[in-house]
Amino acid sequence: MLHVGAARVTVTTLPASFPRSVVRNAWDPRHIKYSYLLATTSVGGSPIVLVADDERISAWPQSKHTKKWKQRPWVVIEKEEILRFNNVGEVLAGKSPGTVQRVELKCFAERSGAVLIRIKCVFFWLDLQTMKIVRHFSDPRVDYEEVYCSIEICSSSWVPTFSTSSSIL
């Protein structure tokens, strides 16, 4: 973990049971690709590592007191539940039948406790507190492109304040 304000880095060892991507052959049905994301359950809370595979998103929590990682994860949400949100799964199946729809973890917004998830060209906001999808949006232009997300910031910290005496040229 990088603590920007304190200018320090914390390194930790994950448990041996933590899933690691298996690279065999991309066409091999046993080929599993994981998506990882570091998050917290609440602002200033204990860290968790979210792991997405082809079936679900799981959370590997670290104990706040012992700083040790739990040996087994808890399931945050199943992929089928994500795809049921507003019948998105039916739409995706119609556009690309037979293709693998991988769950990708894109970014974590610490203030809101939301995780941005991507399946093909559809993005979902997952609320970590309720473990429910709260909204989605799609953009077919990003179906085969990588998407990078920035950190969440409070917009009031960068929006200029205009007074009545301000003039615009």
Protein backbone atom coordinates (compact mmCIF):
# COMPACT_ATOMS: atom_id res chain seq x y z
CA MET A 1 0.00 0.00 0.00
CA LEU A 2 1.22 3.47 -0.84
CA HIS A 3 0.39 6.18 1.70
CA VAL A 4 0.88 9.30 -0.39
CA GLY A 5 0.29 11.88 2.36
CA ALA A 6 2.68 10.15 4.76
CA ALA A 7 5.19 9.28 1.99
CA ARG A 8 5.52 5.65 3.07
CA VAL A 9 4.91 2.22 1.59
CA THR A 10 3.58 -0.82 3.44
CA VAL A 11 4.39 -4.29 2.13
CA THR A 12 2.49 -7.39 3.21
CA THR A 13 2.51 -11.06 2.26
CA LEU A 14 -0.77 -12.57 1.12
CA PRO A 15 -1.69 -16.09 2.32
CA ALA A 16 -0.57 -19.13 0.33
CA SER A 17 -4.23 -19.89 -0.44
CA PHE A 18 -4.61 -16.55 -2.28
CA PRO A 19 -5.50 -17.16 -5.96
CA ARG A 20 -2.87 -16.44 -8.56
CA SER A 21 -3.44 -16.31 -12.29
CA VAL A 22 -2.69 -19.57 -14.00
CA VAL A 23 -1.15 -19.06 -17.42
CA ARG A 24 -1.47 -22.15 -19.55
CA ASN A 25 -3.06 -21.74 -22.92
CA ALA A 26 -5.65 -19.02 -23.52
CA TRP A 27 -7.92 -21.56 -25.23
CA ASP A 28 -7.56 -24.11 -22.42
CA PRO A 29 -10.82 -24.28 -20.40
CA ARG A 30 -8.70 -24.56 -17.22
CA HIS A 31 -7.13 -21.17 -18.00
CA ILE A 32 -8.22 -18.78 -15.25
CA LYS A 33 -7.54 -15.09 -15.35
CA TYR A 34 -8.05 -13.09 -12.17
CA SER A 35 -8.53 -9.37 -11.73
CA TYR A 36 -7.25 -7.84 -8.47
CA LEU A 37 -8.00 -4.58 -6.68
CA LEU A 38 -6.97 -3.24 -3.27
CA ALA A 39 -9.79 -1.56 -1.38
CA THR A 40 -11.13 -0.92 2.12
CA THR A 41 -14.52 -1.75 3.56
CA SER A 42 -14.89 1.83 4.81
CA VAL A 43 -12.93 5.06 4.81
CA GLY A 44 -9.86 4.39 6.94
CA GLY A 45 -10.94 0.77 7.42
CA SER A 46 -8.96 -2.44 7.14
CA PRO A 47 -7.67 -3.29 3.69
CA ILE A 48 -9.22 -6.00 1.58
CA VAL A 49 -8.06 -7.41 -1.73
CA LEU A 50 -10.90 -7.95 -4.16
CA VAL A 51 -10.44 -10.83 -6.57
CA ALA A 52 -12.63 -11.33 -9.63
CA ASP A 53 -12.69 -14.54 -11.61
CA ASP A 54 -15.12 -15.92 -14.19
CA GLU A 55 -17.83 -16.60 -11.59
CA ARG A 56 -17.67 -14.10 -8.70
CA ILE A 57 -15.94 -11.30 -6.85
CA SER A 58 -14.41 -12.36 -3.54
CA ALA A 59 -12.82 -10.33 -0.76
CA TRP A 60 -9.70 -11.29 1.16
CA PRO A 61 -9.74 -9.16 4.35
CA GLN A 62 -6.82 -8.27 6.57
CA SER A 63 -7.40 -8.23 10.33
CA LYS A 64 -7.13 -4.71 11.72
CA HIS A 65 -5.62 -5.98 14.98
CA THR A 66 -3.22 -8.75 13.86
CA LYS A 67 -2.50 -7.41 10.34
CA LYS A 68 -2.76 -11.01 9.08
CA TRP A 69 -4.78 -11.91 6.00
CA LYS A 70 -7.68 -14.32 6.38
CA GLN A 71 -7.02 -17.73 4.84
CA ARG A 72 -10.39 -17.87 3.07
CA PRO A 73 -12.30 -15.12 1.24
CA TRP A 74 -15.94 -14.14 1.50
CA VAL A 75 -18.05 -13.80 -1.63
CA VAL A 76 -18.98 -10.20 -2.37
CA ILE A 77 -21.20 -10.84 -5.39
CA GLU A 78 -21.75 -13.56 -7.99
CA LYS A 79 -21.31 -12.70 -11.67
CA GLU A 80 -24.86 -13.88 -12.41
CA GLU A 81 -26.23 -11.32 -9.95
CA ILE A 82 -24.24 -8.57 -11.68
CA LEU A 83 -25.62 -9.61 -15.07
CA ARG A 84 -29.21 -9.68 -13.75
CA PHE A 85 -29.02 -5.95 -12.96
CA ASN A 86 -31.45 -4.33 -15.44
CA ASN A 87 -31.22 -7.51 -17.60
CA VAL A 88 -27.74 -6.54 -18.82
CA GLY A 89 -26.74 -10.20 -19.18
CA GLU A 90 -29.41 -10.83 -21.80
CA VAL A 91 -28.24 -7.85 -23.84
CA LEU A 92 -24.58 -8.94 -23.67
CA ALA A 93 -25.44 -12.54 -24.58
CA GLY A 94 -27.30 -11.32 -27.66
CA LYS A 95 -24.36 -9.20 -28.82
CA SER A 96 -21.64 -11.81 -28.39
CA PRO A 97 -23.07 -15.32 -27.94
CA GLY A 98 -20.61 -17.94 -26.73
CA THR A 99 -17.86 -15.53 -25.71
CA VAL A 100 -16.40 -15.44 -22.22
CA GLN A 101 -17.60 -12.43 -20.29
CA ARG A 102 -14.82 -11.75 -17.82
CA VAL A 103 -15.36 -9.63 -14.74
CA GLU A 104 -12.70 -6.94 -14.47
CA LEU A 105 -12.15 -4.76 -11.42
CA LYS A 106 -11.26 -1.26 -12.62
CA CYS A 107 -11.06 1.09 -9.63
CA PHE A 108 -12.12 1.66 -6.05
CA ALA A 109 -13.63 4.94 -4.87
CA GLU A 110 -12.74 5.20 -1.19
CA ARG A 111 -15.09 8.05 -0.27
CA SER A 112 -18.18 6.34 -1.65
CA GLY A 113 -17.04 2.77 -1.06
CA ALA A 114 -17.90 1.87 -4.66
CA VAL A 115 -16.01 -0.41 -7.02
CA LEU A 116 -16.09 0.10 -10.77
CA ILE A 117 -16.54 -3.25 -12.55
CA ARG A 118 -16.38 -3.95 -16.25
CA ILE A 119 -17.88 -6.82 -18.21
CA LYS A 120 -17.24 -6.38 -21.95
CA CYS A 121 -18.45 -2.84 -22.75
CA VAL A 122 -20.67 -2.45 -19.67
CA PHE A 123 -19.51 -0.76 -16.47
CA PHE A 124 -21.16 -1.33 -13.10
CA TRP A 125 -20.87 0.47 -9.77
CA LEU A 126 -20.79 -2.02 -6.88
CA ASP A 127 -21.45 -0.62 -3.40
CA LEU A 128 -19.14 -2.54 -1.05
CA GLN A 129 -21.26 -1.81 2.03
CA THR A 130 -24.45 -3.33 0.62
CA MET A 131 -22.67 -5.68 -1.83
CA LYS A 132 -25.18 -4.66 -4.50
CA ILE A 133 -24.90 -3.13 -7.96
CA VAL A 134 -26.26 0.41 -7.78
CA ARG A 135 -26.01 1.54 -11.42
CA HIS A 136 -24.53 0.69 -14.79
CA PHE A 137 -23.64 2.33 -18.08
CA SER A 138 -22.30 1.02 -21.36
CA ASP A 139 -19.98 2.26 -24.04
CA PRO A 140 -19.53 -0.02 -27.09
CA ARG A 141 -16.42 1.94 -28.10
CA VAL A 142 -14.43 0.36 -25.24
CA ASP A 143 -15.36 -3.26 -25.97
CA TYR A 144 -11.80 -4.19 -26.93
CA GLU A 145 -9.81 -1.39 -25.35
CA GLU A 146 -8.21 -0.93 -21.97
CA VAL A 147 -9.82 1.63 -19.68
CA TYR A 148 -7.85 3.49 -17.01
CA CYS A 149 -9.50 5.14 -14.04
CA SER A 150 -8.22 7.92 -11.87
CA ILE A 151 -8.60 8.26 -8.14
CA GLU A 152 -11.75 9.63 -6.58
CA ILE A 153 -11.48 13.23 -5.44
CA CYS A 154 -13.82 15.65 -3.79
CA SER A 155 -14.86 17.99 -6.58
CA SER A 156 -15.20 20.92 -4.18
CA SER A 157 -11.42 20.89 -3.77
CA TRP A 158 -10.78 21.80 -7.42
CA VAL A 159 -13.89 23.64 -8.64
CA PRO A 160 -13.14 27.38 -8.71
CA THR A 161 -15.32 29.69 -6.67
CA PHE A 162 -16.67 32.64 -8.60
CA SER A 163 -17.71 35.86 -6.93
CA THR A 164 -19.97 38.56 -8.33
CA SER A 165 -16.91 40.67 -9.08
CA SER A 166 -15.34 38.00 -11.29
CA SER A 167 -15.27 38.69 -14.97
CA ILE A 168 -14.95 36.27 -17.84
CA LEU A 169 -12.96 37.41 -20.87
